[in-house]
Amino acid sequence: MNLNGKRILLTGAAGGIGQPLAFALSNKGAKLALVDRDEARINALCEKINQLGGTAVAIVNDFQANEAAQTVVDSAISLLGGIDILINSAGILDFTLFQEQDVVRIAQMMHINAIVPIQLTRALLPGLLAQNGGQIVNIGSIFGSIGFPHYATYSASKYAVHGFSQALRRELVDSDITVTYIAPRAIKTAMNDQVAAKMLAATNTAMDEPRVVVAEIIKAMEADKHEHYIGQPESFFAWLNGFLPGAVNMGLKKQARIARQFIAGKS
């Protein structure tokens, strides 16, 4: 897909990969409706993109209201005159023992990571079907294929997005709407706090720079890929987990035990 002139709705735009992704999309000639809960940061991002000659409008929303998804889609369509591409990038995570994770936080994580992308897609889909074209891009995670210890709820939310992407793609087989699922491995952003970053280093878990992930996202979008996994050997283990989960279980035992030591230090 040629991104030049495409009207794109991007959530989590003020976040760790959201900002560089917004700049990269703008450099490709896309017109952007950028969504985030942080009003100051999203307005500053839009101002910078517009100063550089791009087109970006801000939508401030935390997706807590019942009709938030429809409101965001309606606002984006009104501001840009339509939407061609939806990128569901907003997300939150915890590095924690599951039994210690707050029940309110569990609900919040499932809502932001899984339910909101589904609701946004549902709100936008009639318009994409009417124009018989477009793209839905769901930013998942390698944890959407490998349930990772101490990220149980996060893994569950990304498994949900992965399954939703597959199911919707098959449902839209007779349309010209592409559903792209992208699964990065760990990324060097503020989503991973200092303790999590130290744990990932201790377990020899690779972390990619945001610019590397953004380049892969752009590449997958332009190629209209169905699924795109970022990084090795993580991508191989995601594939292996589908066939031999027992083997992956054995491989993660040591990492789980190391990670538990870092969690103990957080309390």
C-alpha atoms as a PDB file:
ATOM      1  CA  MET A   1       0.000   0.000   0.000  1.00  0.00           C
ATOM      2  CA  ASN A   2       1.243   3.454  -0.890  1.00  0.00           C
ATOM      3  CA  LEU A   3       0.940   5.552   2.277  1.00  0.00           C
ATOM      4  CA  ASN A   4       1.156   8.899   0.497  1.00  0.00           C
ATOM      5  CA  GLY A   5      -2.083  10.808   1.021  1.00  0.00           C
ATOM      6  CA  LYS A   6      -3.613   8.094   3.202  1.00  0.00           C
ATOM      7  CA  ARG A   7      -5.678   9.295   6.152  1.00  0.00           C
ATOM      8  CA  ILE A   8      -4.511   7.397   9.214  1.00  0.00           C
ATOM      9  CA  LEU A   9      -5.990   7.105  12.702  1.00  0.00           C
ATOM     10  CA  LEU A  10      -3.204   6.208  15.171  1.00  0.00           C
ATOM     11  CA  THR A  11      -3.821   5.462  18.854  1.00  0.00           C
ATOM     12  CA  GLY A  12      -1.196   5.715  21.568  1.00  0.00           C
ATOM     13  CA  ALA A  13       0.455   8.358  19.414  1.00  0.00           C
ATOM     14  CA  ALA A  14       2.322  10.105  22.234  1.00  0.00           C
ATOM     15  CA  GLY A  15       3.839   6.837  23.475  1.00  0.00           C
ATOM     16  CA  GLY A  16       7.182   5.133  23.010  1.00  0.00           C
ATOM     17  CA  ILE A  17       6.687   3.910  19.458  1.00  0.00           C
ATOM     18  CA  GLY A  18       3.720   6.174  18.749  1.00  0.00           C
ATOM     19  CA  GLN A  19       5.748   9.342  18.305  1.00  0.00           C
ATOM     20  CA  PRO A  20       8.415   7.975  15.950  1.00  0.00           C
ATOM     21  CA  LEU A  21       5.712   6.092  14.060  1.00  0.00           C
ATOM     22  CA  ALA A  22       3.730   9.308  13.600  1.00  0.00           C
ATOM     23  CA  PHE A  23       6.794  11.100  12.210  1.00  0.00           C
ATOM     24  CA  ALA A  24       7.585   8.180   9.891  1.00  0.00           C
ATOM     25  CA  LEU A  25       4.033   8.072   8.558  1.00  0.00           C
ATOM     26  CA  SER A  26       4.037  11.819   8.021  1.00  0.00           C
ATOM     27  CA  ASN A  27       7.331  11.545   6.127  1.00  0.00           C
ATOM     28  CA  LYS A  28       5.558   9.044   3.852  1.00  0.00           C
ATOM     29  CA  GLY A  29       2.948  11.692   3.075  1.00  0.00           C
ATOM     30  CA  ALA A  30       0.156  10.378   5.283  1.00  0.00           C
ATOM     31  CA  LYS A  31      -2.399  12.665   6.945  1.00  0.00           C
ATOM     32  CA  LEU A  32      -2.744  11.827  10.622  1.00  0.00           C
ATOM     33  CA  ALA A  33      -5.405  11.838  13.328  1.00  0.00           C
ATOM     34  CA  LEU A  34      -3.363  11.185  16.469  1.00  0.00           C
ATOM     35  CA  VAL A  35      -5.045   9.890  19.614  1.00  0.00           C
ATOM     36  CA  ASP A  36      -3.680   9.905  23.148  1.00  0.00           C
ATOM     37  CA  ARG A  37      -4.839  10.628  26.686  1.00  0.00           C
ATOM     38  CA  ASP A  38      -1.956  13.074  27.313  1.00  0.00           C
ATOM     39  CA  GLU A  39      -3.270  16.360  25.932  1.00  0.00           C
ATOM     40  CA  ALA A  40      -0.040  18.326  26.244  1.00  0.00           C
ATOM     41  CA  ARG A  41       2.112  15.689  24.558  1.00  0.00           C
ATOM     42  CA  ILE A  42      -0.288  14.938  21.716  1.00  0.00           C
ATOM     43  CA  ASN A  43      -0.789  18.641  20.948  1.00  0.00           C
ATOM     44  CA  ALA A  44       2.975  19.197  20.956  1.00  0.00           C
ATOM     45  CA  LEU A  45       3.458  16.237  18.606  1.00  0.00           C
ATOM     46  CA  CYS A  46       0.866  17.516  16.152  1.00  0.00           C
ATOM     47  CA  GLU A  47       2.345  21.010  16.269  1.00  0.00           C
ATOM     48  CA  LYS A  48       5.804  19.648  15.448  1.00  0.00           C
ATOM     49  CA  ILE A  49       4.546  17.532  12.543  1.00  0.00           C
ATOM     50  CA  ASN A  50       2.598  20.459  11.118  1.00  0.00           C
ATOM     51  CA  GLN A  51       5.637  22.749  11.463  1.00  0.00           C
ATOM     52  CA  LEU A  52       7.615  20.231   9.411  1.00  0.00           C
ATOM     53  CA  GLY A  53       5.045  20.449   6.610  1.00  0.00           C
ATOM     54  CA  GLY A  54       2.913  17.439   7.513  1.00  0.00           C
ATOM     55  CA  THR A  55      -0.744  17.168   8.451  1.00  0.00           C
ATOM     56  CA  ALA A  56      -1.662  16.048  11.962  1.00  0.00           C
ATOM     57  CA  VAL A  57      -4.707  16.668  14.134  1.00  0.00           C
ATOM     58  CA  ALA A  58      -5.004  15.768  17.811  1.00  0.00           C
ATOM     59  CA  ILE A  59      -7.778  13.782  19.473  1.00  0.00           C
ATOM     60  CA  VAL A  60      -7.569  13.590  23.271  1.00  0.00           C
ATOM     61  CA  ASN A  61      -9.284  10.510  24.692  1.00  0.00           C
ATOM     62  CA  ASP A  62      -8.517   7.878  27.348  1.00  0.00           C
ATOM     63  CA  PHE A  63     -11.119   5.389  26.010  1.00  0.00           C
ATOM     64  CA  GLN A  64     -12.847   5.056  29.376  1.00  0.00           C
ATOM     65  CA  ALA A  65     -16.298   6.238  28.244  1.00  0.00           C
ATOM     66  CA  ASN A  66     -18.672   3.648  26.774  1.00  0.00           C
ATOM     67  CA  GLU A  67     -18.900   5.405  23.419  1.00  0.00           C
ATOM     68  CA  ALA A  68     -15.240   6.466  23.284  1.00  0.00           C
ATOM     69  CA  ALA A  69     -14.314   4.367  20.242  1.00  0.00           C
ATOM     70  CA  GLN A  70     -17.192   5.684  18.131  1.00  0.00           C
ATOM     71  CA  THR A  71     -16.475   9.235  19.301  1.00  0.00           C
ATOM     72  CA  VAL A  72     -12.814   8.952  18.291  1.00  0.00           C
ATOM     73  CA  VAL A  73     -13.635   7.504  14.875  1.00  0.00           C
ATOM     74  CA  ASP A  74     -16.303  10.149  14.229  1.00  0.00           C
ATOM     75  CA  SER A  75     -13.871  12.907  15.227  1.00  0.00           C
ATOM     76  CA  ALA A  76     -11.117  11.542  12.992  1.00  0.00           C
ATOM     77  CA  ILE A  77     -13.440  11.265   9.995  1.00  0.00           C
ATOM     78  CA  SER A  78     -14.699  14.802  10.588  1.00  0.00           C
ATOM     79  CA  LEU A  79     -11.204  16.261  10.940  1.00  0.00           C
ATOM     80  CA  LEU A  80      -9.600  14.447   7.986  1.00  0.00           C
ATOM     81  CA  GLY A  81     -12.627  13.896   5.755  1.00  0.00           C
ATOM     82  CA  GLY A  82     -12.386  10.130   6.125  1.00  0.00           C
ATOM     83  CA  ILE A  83     -10.086   7.377   7.362  1.00  0.00           C
ATOM     84  CA  ASP A  84      -8.201   4.862   5.205  1.00  0.00           C
ATOM     85  CA  ILE A  85      -6.043   3.161   7.827  1.00  0.00           C
ATOM     86  CA  LEU A  86      -6.487   2.406  11.526  1.00  0.00           C
ATOM     87  CA  ILE A  87      -3.379   1.641  13.594  1.00  0.00           C
ATOM     88  CA  ASN A  88      -4.160   0.253  17.049  1.00  0.00           C
ATOM     89  CA  SER A  89      -0.951   1.013  18.933  1.00  0.00           C
ATOM     90  CA  ALA A  90      -2.098   2.083  22.416  1.00  0.00           C
ATOM     91  CA  GLY A  91      -1.199  -0.395  25.136  1.00  0.00           C
ATOM     92  CA  ILE A  92      -0.189  -0.885  28.754  1.00  0.00           C
ATOM     93  CA  LEU A  93       1.654  -3.687  30.557  1.00  0.00           C
ATOM     94  CA  ASP A  94       2.810  -4.835  33.985  1.00  0.00           C
ATOM     95  CA  PHE A  95       5.802  -6.959  34.958  1.00  0.00           C
ATOM     96  CA  THR A  96       4.336  -8.695  38.004  1.00  0.00           C
ATOM     97  CA  LEU A  97       3.261 -11.873  39.702  1.00  0.00           C
ATOM     98  CA  PHE A  98      -0.243 -12.516  38.459  1.00  0.00           C
ATOM     99  CA  GLN A  99      -1.633 -13.199  41.954  1.00  0.00           C
ATOM    100  CA  GLU A 100      -0.432  -9.745  43.024  1.00  0.00           C
ATOM    101  CA  GLN A 101      -1.863  -7.850  40.066  1.00  0.00           C
ATOM    102  CA  ASP A 102      -4.722  -5.558  41.037  1.00  0.00           C
ATOM    103  CA  VAL A 103      -8.094  -6.690  39.676  1.00  0.00           C
ATOM    104  CA  VAL A 104      -8.874  -3.175  38.483  1.00  0.00           C
ATOM    105  CA  ARG A 105      -5.581  -3.109  36.607  1.00  0.00           C
ATOM    106  CA  ILE A 106      -6.378  -6.470  34.996  1.00  0.00           C
ATOM    107  CA  ALA A 107      -9.657  -5.086  33.667  1.00  0.00           C
ATOM    108  CA  GLN A 108      -7.967  -1.885  32.511  1.00  0.00           C
ATOM    109  CA  MET A 109      -5.256  -3.788  30.633  1.00  0.00           C
ATOM    110  CA  MET A 110      -7.718  -6.046  28.850  1.00  0.00           C
ATOM    111  CA  HIS A 111      -9.821  -3.011  27.972  1.00  0.00           C
ATOM    112  CA  ILE A 112      -7.039  -0.826  26.546  1.00  0.00           C
ATOM    113  CA  ASN A 113      -5.058  -3.612  24.880  1.00  0.00           C
ATOM    114  CA  ALA A 114      -7.859  -5.765  23.473  1.00  0.00           C
ATOM    115  CA  ILE A 115     -11.352  -4.330  23.747  1.00  0.00           C
ATOM    116  CA  VAL A 116     -10.529  -0.818  22.491  1.00  0.00           C
ATOM    117  CA  PRO A 117      -8.871  -2.062  19.253  1.00  0.00           C
ATOM    118  CA  ILE A 118     -11.896  -4.280  18.613  1.00  0.00           C
ATOM    119  CA  GLN A 119     -14.313  -1.420  19.291  1.00  0.00           C
ATOM    120  CA  LEU A 120     -12.375   1.025  17.098  1.00  0.00           C
ATOM    121  CA  THR A 121     -12.311  -1.486  14.267  1.00  0.00           C
ATOM    122  CA  ARG A 122     -16.046  -2.053  14.622  1.00  0.00           C
ATOM    123  CA  ALA A 123     -16.706   1.691  14.545  1.00  0.00           C
ATOM    124  CA  LEU A 124     -14.563   2.246  11.443  1.00  0.00           C
ATOM    125  CA  LEU A 125     -15.419  -0.895   9.482  1.00  0.00           C
ATOM    126  CA  PRO A 126     -18.694   0.312   7.885  1.00  0.00           C
ATOM    127  CA  GLY A 127     -16.798   3.209   6.305  1.00  0.00           C
ATOM    128  CA  LEU A 128     -14.028   0.968   5.009  1.00  0.00           C
ATOM    129  CA  LEU A 129     -16.580  -1.453   3.568  1.00  0.00           C
ATOM    130  CA  ALA A 130     -18.431   1.410   1.889  1.00  0.00           C
ATOM    131  CA  GLN A 131     -15.252   2.524   0.130  1.00  0.00           C
ATOM    132  CA  ASN A 132     -14.207  -1.143  -0.325  1.00  0.00           C
ATOM    133  CA  GLY A 133     -10.664  -0.517   0.754  1.00  0.00           C
ATOM    134  CA  GLY A 134      -8.412   0.254   3.656  1.00  0.00           C
ATOM    135  CA  GLN A 135      -6.159  -1.296   6.235  1.00  0.00           C
ATOM    136  CA  ILE A 136      -6.460  -2.236   9.888  1.00  0.00           C
ATOM    137  CA  VAL A 137      -3.101  -2.552  11.641  1.00  0.00           C
ATOM    138  CA  ASN A 138      -3.017  -4.154  15.069  1.00  0.00           C
ATOM    139  CA  ILE A 139       0.224  -3.774  16.995  1.00  0.00           C
ATOM    140  CA  GLY A 140       0.417  -6.976  18.994  1.00  0.00           C
ATOM    141  CA  SER A 141       3.406  -8.600  20.629  1.00  0.00           C
ATOM    142  CA  ILE A 142       5.522 -11.716  20.519  1.00  0.00           C
ATOM    143  CA  PHE A 143       3.664 -12.389  23.800  1.00  0.00           C
ATOM    144  CA  GLY A 144       0.545 -12.800  21.669  1.00  0.00           C
ATOM    145  CA  SER A 145       2.040 -16.105  20.516  1.00  0.00           C
ATOM    146  CA  ILE A 146       4.130 -17.037  23.575  1.00  0.00           C
ATOM    147  CA  GLY A 147       2.512 -16.728  26.983  1.00  0.00           C
ATOM    148  CA  PHE A 148       5.385 -15.171  28.938  1.00  0.00           C
ATOM    149  CA  PRO A 149       5.751 -15.643  32.716  1.00  0.00           C
ATOM    150  CA  HIS A 150       5.024 -12.557  34.836  1.00  0.00           C
ATOM    151  CA  TYR A 151       3.158 -10.958  31.916  1.00  0.00           C
ATOM    152  CA  ALA A 152       0.047 -13.148  32.147  1.00  0.00           C
ATOM    153  CA  THR A 153      -2.619 -10.494  31.608  1.00  0.00           C
ATOM    154  CA  TYR A 154      -0.597  -8.677  28.978  1.00  0.00           C
ATOM    155  CA  SER A 155      -0.068 -11.959  27.124  1.00  0.00           C
ATOM    156  CA  ALA A 156      -3.796 -12.706  27.338  1.00  0.00           C
ATOM    157  CA  SER A 157      -4.655  -9.305  25.869  1.00  0.00           C
ATOM    158  CA  LYS A 158      -2.240  -9.740  22.967  1.00  0.00           C
ATOM    159  CA  TYR A 159      -3.441 -13.285  22.280  1.00  0.00           C
ATOM    160  CA  ALA A 160      -6.912 -11.742  22.001  1.00  0.00           C
ATOM    161  CA  VAL A 161      -5.735  -9.156  19.472  1.00  0.00           C
ATOM    162  CA  HIS A 162      -3.912 -11.844  17.490  1.00  0.00           C
ATOM    163  CA  GLY A 163      -7.002 -14.060  17.337  1.00  0.00           C
ATOM    164  CA  PHE A 164      -9.237 -11.128  16.477  1.00  0.00           C
ATOM    165  CA  SER A 165      -6.925 -10.132  13.623  1.00  0.00           C
ATOM    166  CA  GLN A 166      -6.951 -13.641  12.160  1.00  0.00           C
ATOM    167  CA  ALA A 167     -10.708 -14.018  12.441  1.00  0.00           C
ATOM    168  CA  LEU A 168     -11.495 -10.607  10.936  1.00  0.00           C
ATOM    169  CA  ARG A 169      -9.046 -11.127   8.085  1.00  0.00           C
ATOM    170  CA  ARG A 170     -10.826 -14.355   7.157  1.00  0.00           C
ATOM    171  CA  GLU A 171     -14.219 -12.666   7.448  1.00  0.00           C
ATOM    172  CA  LEU A 172     -13.131  -9.884   5.072  1.00  0.00           C
ATOM    173  CA  VAL A 173     -11.636 -12.251   2.500  1.00  0.00           C
ATOM    174  CA  ASP A 174     -13.895 -10.958  -0.292  1.00  0.00           C
ATOM    175  CA  SER A 175     -13.118  -7.299   0.374  1.00  0.00           C
ATOM    176  CA  ASP A 176     -10.097  -5.118  -0.359  1.00  0.00           C
ATOM    177  CA  ILE A 177      -9.544  -4.414   3.330  1.00  0.00           C
ATOM    178  CA  THR A 178      -6.226  -5.666   4.690  1.00  0.00           C
ATOM    179  CA  VAL A 179      -5.851  -6.749   8.326  1.00  0.00           C
ATOM    180  CA  THR A 180      -2.213  -6.604   9.403  1.00  0.00           C
ATOM    181  CA  TYR A 181      -1.022  -8.017  12.727  1.00  0.00           C
ATOM    182  CA  ILE A 182       2.466  -6.965  13.810  1.00  0.00           C
ATOM    183  CA  ALA A 183       4.275  -8.675  16.682  1.00  0.00           C
ATOM    184  CA  PRO A 184       7.341  -6.868  18.048  1.00  0.00           C
ATOM    185  CA  ARG A 185       9.559  -8.346  20.717  1.00  0.00           C
ATOM    186  CA  ALA A 186      10.594  -6.171  23.704  1.00  0.00           C
ATOM    187  CA  ILE A 187      11.078  -2.491  22.861  1.00  0.00           C
ATOM    188  CA  LYS A 188      13.204   0.101  24.641  1.00  0.00           C
ATOM    189  CA  THR A 189      10.385   2.370  25.787  1.00  0.00           C
ATOM    190  CA  ALA A 190       8.984   3.630  29.078  1.00  0.00           C
ATOM    191  CA  MET A 191       6.463   0.761  29.037  1.00  0.00           C
ATOM    192  CA  ASN A 192       9.286  -1.372  30.415  1.00  0.00           C
ATOM    193  CA  ASP A 193      10.315   0.213  33.720  1.00  0.00           C
ATOM    194  CA  GLN A 194      13.857   0.007  35.090  1.00  0.00           C
ATOM    195  CA  VAL A 195      13.216  -3.249  36.942  1.00  0.00           C
ATOM    196  CA  ALA A 196      11.721  -4.897  33.866  1.00  0.00           C
ATOM    197  CA  ALA A 197      14.608  -3.648  31.729  1.00  0.00           C
ATOM    198  CA  LYS A 198      17.128  -5.160  34.151  1.00  0.00           C
ATOM    199  CA  MET A 199      15.206  -8.445  34.151  1.00  0.00           C
ATOM    200  CA  LEU A 200      15.148  -8.541  30.359  1.00  0.00           C
ATOM    201  CA  ALA A 201      18.891  -7.943  30.303  1.00  0.00           C
ATOM    202  CA  ALA A 202      19.515 -10.652  32.913  1.00  0.00           C
ATOM    203  CA  THR A 203      17.496 -13.167  30.895  1.00  0.00           C
ATOM    204  CA  ASN A 204      19.281 -12.184  27.661  1.00  0.00           C
ATOM    205  CA  THR A 205      16.019 -10.952  26.158  1.00  0.00           C
ATOM    206  CA  ALA A 206      16.713  -8.642  23.222  1.00  0.00           C
ATOM    207  CA  MET A 207      15.174  -5.163  23.209  1.00  0.00           C
ATOM    208  CA  ASP A 208      14.782  -3.218  19.972  1.00  0.00           C
ATOM    209  CA  GLU A 209      15.072   0.526  19.541  1.00  0.00           C
ATOM    210  CA  PRO A 210      11.737   2.179  18.657  1.00  0.00           C
ATOM    211  CA  ARG A 211      13.106   3.329  15.271  1.00  0.00           C
ATOM    212  CA  VAL A 212      13.821  -0.304  14.333  1.00  0.00           C
ATOM    213  CA  VAL A 213      10.269  -1.353  15.197  1.00  0.00           C
ATOM    214  CA  VAL A 214       8.783   1.623  13.363  1.00  0.00           C
ATOM    215  CA  ALA A 215      10.715   0.741  10.197  1.00  0.00           C
ATOM    216  CA  GLU A 216       9.358  -2.820  10.387  1.00  0.00           C
ATOM    217  CA  ILE A 217       5.795  -1.562  10.897  1.00  0.00           C
ATOM    218  CA  ILE A 218       6.042   0.704   7.858  1.00  0.00           C
ATOM    219  CA  LYS A 219       7.502  -2.124   5.782  1.00  0.00           C
ATOM    220  CA  ALA A 220       4.680  -4.489   6.787  1.00  0.00           C
ATOM    221  CA  MET A 221       2.017  -1.890   6.029  1.00  0.00           C
ATOM    222  CA  GLU A 222       3.403  -1.065   2.597  1.00  0.00           C
ATOM    223  CA  ALA A 223       3.615  -4.763   1.739  1.00  0.00           C
ATOM    224  CA  ASP A 224       0.025  -5.401   2.921  1.00  0.00           C
ATOM    225  CA  LYS A 225       1.333  -8.237   5.080  1.00  0.00           C
ATOM    226  CA  HIS A 226      -1.108 -10.355   7.035  1.00  0.00           C
ATOM    227  CA  GLU A 227       1.287 -11.033   9.920  1.00  0.00           C
ATOM    228  CA  HIS A 228       4.748  -9.717  10.612  1.00  0.00           C
ATOM    229  CA  TYR A 229       6.978 -10.843  13.483  1.00  0.00           C
ATOM    230  CA  ILE A 230       9.974  -8.768  14.493  1.00  0.00           C
ATOM    231  CA  GLY A 231      13.237 -10.254  15.708  1.00  0.00           C
ATOM    232  CA  GLN A 232      14.988 -13.591  16.027  1.00  0.00           C
ATOM    233  CA  PRO A 233      15.057 -16.020  17.792  1.00  0.00           C
ATOM    234  CA  GLU A 234      11.771 -14.771  19.280  1.00  0.00           C
ATOM    235  CA  SER A 235       9.896 -15.155  15.995  1.00  0.00           C
ATOM    236  CA  PHE A 236      11.099 -18.743  15.706  1.00  0.00           C
ATOM    237  CA  PHE A 237       9.951 -19.531  19.256  1.00  0.00           C
ATOM    238  CA  ALA A 238       6.538 -18.017  18.487  1.00  0.00           C
ATOM    239  CA  TRP A 239       6.247 -20.469  15.603  1.00  0.00           C
ATOM    240  CA  LEU A 240       7.586 -23.346  17.708  1.00  0.00           C
ATOM    241  CA  ASN A 241       5.108 -22.626  20.502  1.00  0.00           C
ATOM    242  CA  GLY A 242       2.288 -23.460  18.118  1.00  0.00           C
ATOM    243  CA  PHE A 243       3.659 -26.955  17.554  1.00  0.00           C
ATOM    244  CA  LEU A 244       5.707 -27.866  20.620  1.00  0.00           C
ATOM    245  CA  PRO A 245       4.623 -25.721  23.570  1.00  0.00           C
ATOM    246  CA  GLY A 246       6.266 -28.206  25.936  1.00  0.00           C
ATOM    247  CA  ALA A 247       9.651 -27.407  24.456  1.00  0.00           C
ATOM    248  CA  VAL A 248       9.056 -23.687  24.952  1.00  0.00           C
ATOM    249  CA  ASN A 249       7.927 -24.372  28.532  1.00  0.00           C
ATOM    250  CA  MET A 250      11.281 -25.968  29.254  1.00  0.00           C
ATOM    251  CA  GLY A 251      13.137 -23.082  27.657  1.00  0.00           C
ATOM    252  CA  LEU A 252      11.307 -20.481  29.745  1.00  0.00           C
ATOM    253  CA  LYS A 253      11.778 -22.160  33.131  1.00  0.00           C
ATOM    254  CA  LYS A 254      15.135 -20.546  33.787  1.00  0.00           C
ATOM    255  CA  GLN A 255      13.912 -17.137  32.617  1.00  0.00           C
ATOM    256  CA  ALA A 256      10.859 -17.366  34.862  1.00  0.00           C
ATOM    257  CA  ARG A 257      13.012 -18.109  37.904  1.00  0.00           C
ATOM    258  CA  ILE A 258      15.387 -15.236  37.165  1.00  0.00           C
ATOM    259  CA  ALA A 259      12.475 -12.851  36.564  1.00  0.00           C
ATOM    260  CA  ARG A 260      10.889 -13.782  39.891  1.00  0.00           C
ATOM    261  CA  GLN A 261      13.972 -12.478  41.706  1.00  0.00           C
ATOM    262  CA  PHE A 262      13.516  -9.049  40.159  1.00  0.00           C
ATOM    263  CA  ILE A 263       9.826  -8.966  41.069  1.00  0.00           C
ATOM    264  CA  ALA A 264      10.727  -9.706  44.672  1.00  0.00           C
ATOM    265  CA  GLY A 265      12.968  -6.643  44.623  1.00  0.00           C
ATOM    266  CA  LYS A 266      10.117  -4.379  43.478  1.00  0.00           C
ATOM    267  CA  SER A 267       8.102  -4.780  46.666  1.00  0.00           C
END
